């Protein structure tokens, strides 16, 4: 799922942006299809951006990234990026506002955040006390 500026024509796989300045950030949410990748140490993602400069020159910019795989939930929380999580939640909220009320969007964000922190408490925290707020170190500012 793409969350960012621009639009995707119906039936197309690519996204169109009228302007793509150097400080533009885009966000993609990937979903695993269930294929067994447990023996792989990392997964590779590639993205290509085809654009035209102001002088009319066509250019292709290719971005590659290798991500380490883990099945360990504590590792996922340990290496979580607060900026990426915040960016994802805020952009998702902006998209939801197109078709939901502000109250519903707020509720969706609250539920998503509570579910994330509940999963940490349930699967990662050692000896959780019900009266104590337990947060992952990387997401304490969330």
Protein backbone atom coordinates (compact mmCIF):
# COMPACT_ATOMS: atom_id res chain seq x y z
CA UNK A 1 0.00 0.00 0.00
CA UNK A 2 1.34 3.42 -0.97
CA UNK A 3 0.76 6.33 1.40
CA UNK A 4 2.04 9.66 0.17
CA UNK A 5 1.57 12.47 -2.33
CA UNK A 6 0.25 11.86 -5.83
CA UNK A 7 -2.29 9.38 -7.11
CA UNK A 8 -2.65 5.94 -8.64
CA UNK A 9 -4.86 5.64 -11.72
CA UNK A 10 -7.43 2.87 -11.48
CA UNK A 11 -5.94 -0.43 -12.63
CA UNK A 12 -2.36 0.89 -12.75
CA UNK A 13 0.53 -0.43 -10.67
CA UNK A 14 2.52 2.81 -10.66
CA UNK A 15 1.93 6.10 -8.88
CA UNK A 16 2.02 9.56 -10.42
CA UNK A 17 3.38 12.68 -8.75
CA UNK A 18 3.26 16.08 -10.39
CA UNK A 19 6.29 17.27 -8.46
CA UNK A 20 8.95 15.28 -6.61
CA UNK A 21 11.30 17.65 -4.75
CA UNK A 22 14.32 16.27 -2.94
CA UNK A 23 12.64 16.55 0.48
CA UNK A 24 9.56 14.52 -0.52
CA UNK A 25 9.06 11.36 1.51
CA UNK A 26 6.92 8.44 0.42
CA UNK A 27 5.77 5.50 2.48
CA UNK A 28 4.97 1.96 1.41
CA UNK A 29 3.36 -0.67 3.58
CA UNK A 30 4.32 -4.19 2.57
CA UNK A 31 2.39 -7.31 3.43
CA UNK A 32 4.01 -10.74 3.54
CA UNK A 33 2.21 -13.30 1.36
CA UNK A 34 3.02 -16.28 3.60
CA UNK A 35 5.88 -17.66 1.52
CA UNK A 36 8.42 -19.47 3.73
CA UNK A 37 11.43 -17.19 3.98
CA UNK A 38 12.66 -18.44 7.35
CA UNK A 39 15.98 -19.62 5.85
CA UNK A 40 16.72 -16.24 4.26
CA UNK A 41 18.90 -13.81 6.26
CA UNK A 42 17.44 -10.74 4.56
CA UNK A 43 14.89 -9.54 2.04
CA UNK A 44 15.60 -7.06 -0.76
CA UNK A 45 13.32 -4.29 -1.94
CA UNK A 46 13.86 -2.21 -5.06
CA UNK A 47 12.03 0.92 -6.14
CA UNK A 48 12.51 2.84 -9.38
CA UNK A 49 11.54 6.47 -9.97
CA UNK A 50 11.28 7.62 -13.59
CA UNK A 51 11.16 11.40 -13.88
CA UNK A 52 11.79 14.32 -16.21
CA UNK A 53 14.08 17.19 -15.18
CA UNK A 54 13.16 20.84 -15.73
CA UNK A 55 15.30 20.78 -18.87
CA UNK A 56 13.34 17.84 -20.32
CA UNK A 57 15.92 15.14 -19.65
CA UNK A 58 14.44 11.74 -18.67
CA UNK A 59 16.13 10.09 -15.67
CA UNK A 60 15.74 6.89 -13.73
CA UNK A 61 16.61 6.73 -10.04
CA UNK A 62 16.77 3.26 -8.48
CA UNK A 63 16.64 2.71 -4.71
CA UNK A 64 17.66 -0.61 -3.16
CA UNK A 65 17.44 -1.74 0.43
CA UNK A 66 18.26 -4.98 2.22
CA UNK A 67 16.28 -5.65 5.39
CA UNK A 68 17.25 -8.27 7.95
CA UNK A 69 14.53 -10.79 8.70
CA UNK A 70 13.54 -11.86 12.18
CA UNK A 71 10.76 -13.86 13.75
CA UNK A 72 11.59 -12.40 17.16
CA UNK A 73 8.97 -9.90 18.31
CA UNK A 74 11.37 -8.36 20.89
CA UNK A 75 13.83 -7.61 18.06
CA UNK A 76 11.10 -5.91 16.06
CA UNK A 77 10.28 -3.62 18.97
CA UNK A 78 13.97 -3.09 19.86
CA UNK A 79 14.83 -1.83 16.37
CA UNK A 80 11.59 0.05 15.70
CA UNK A 81 12.05 3.53 14.26
CA UNK A 82 9.86 6.08 16.05
CA UNK A 83 10.01 8.46 13.07
CA UNK A 84 8.83 5.78 10.64
CA UNK A 85 6.04 4.62 12.97
CA UNK A 86 4.86 8.20 13.53
CA UNK A 87 5.03 8.95 9.81
CA UNK A 88 3.02 5.83 9.02
CA UNK A 89 0.33 6.55 11.61
CA UNK A 90 -0.04 10.22 10.64
CA UNK A 91 -0.22 9.52 6.91
CA UNK A 92 -2.65 6.69 7.44
CA UNK A 93 -4.81 9.06 9.50
CA UNK A 94 -4.68 11.66 6.74
CA UNK A 95 -5.87 9.07 4.21
CA UNK A 96 -8.64 7.86 6.52
CA UNK A 97 -9.96 11.43 6.89
CA UNK A 98 -11.01 11.30 3.24
CA UNK A 99 -13.75 8.80 4.08
CA UNK A 100 -14.19 8.75 7.87
CA UNK A 101 -15.09 11.31 10.51
CA UNK A 102 -12.37 12.83 12.68
CA UNK A 103 -13.77 10.95 15.69
CA UNK A 104 -13.46 7.61 13.86
CA UNK A 105 -9.92 8.40 12.69
CA UNK A 106 -8.90 9.26 16.25
CA UNK A 107 -10.43 5.99 17.45
CA UNK A 108 -8.58 4.01 14.76
CA UNK A 109 -5.25 5.60 15.74
CA UNK A 110 -5.89 4.93 19.41
CA UNK A 111 -6.76 1.30 18.75
CA UNK A 112 -3.67 0.81 16.54
CA UNK A 113 -1.39 2.30 19.19
CA UNK A 114 -2.99 0.33 22.04
CA UNK A 115 -2.74 -2.91 20.03
CA UNK A 116 0.95 -2.28 19.35
CA UNK A 117 1.75 -1.57 23.00
CA UNK A 118 -0.43 -4.48 24.20
CA UNK A 119 1.51 -6.85 21.94
CA UNK A 120 4.75 -5.57 23.45
CA UNK A 121 3.46 -6.02 26.99
CA UNK A 122 2.07 -9.50 26.26
CA UNK A 123 4.96 -11.00 24.28
CA UNK A 124 8.08 -9.02 25.19
CA UNK A 125 7.91 -7.61 28.72
CA UNK A 126 9.39 -9.60 31.56
CA UNK A 127 7.12 -9.88 34.63
CA UNK A 128 4.60 -7.23 33.58
CA UNK A 129 2.69 -5.69 36.44
CA UNK A 130 -0.87 -4.72 35.56
CA UNK A 131 -0.44 -1.35 37.32
CA UNK A 132 2.79 -0.45 35.52
CA UNK A 133 2.98 1.16 32.09
CA UNK A 134 5.48 -0.82 30.03
CA UNK A 135 6.73 0.68 26.77
CA UNK A 136 9.39 -0.45 24.31
CA UNK A 137 12.53 1.67 24.60
CA UNK A 138 12.48 2.66 20.93
CA UNK A 139 8.85 3.83 21.10
CA UNK A 140 8.77 5.65 24.44
CA UNK A 141 8.02 8.97 22.76
CA UNK A 142 5.03 7.52 20.95
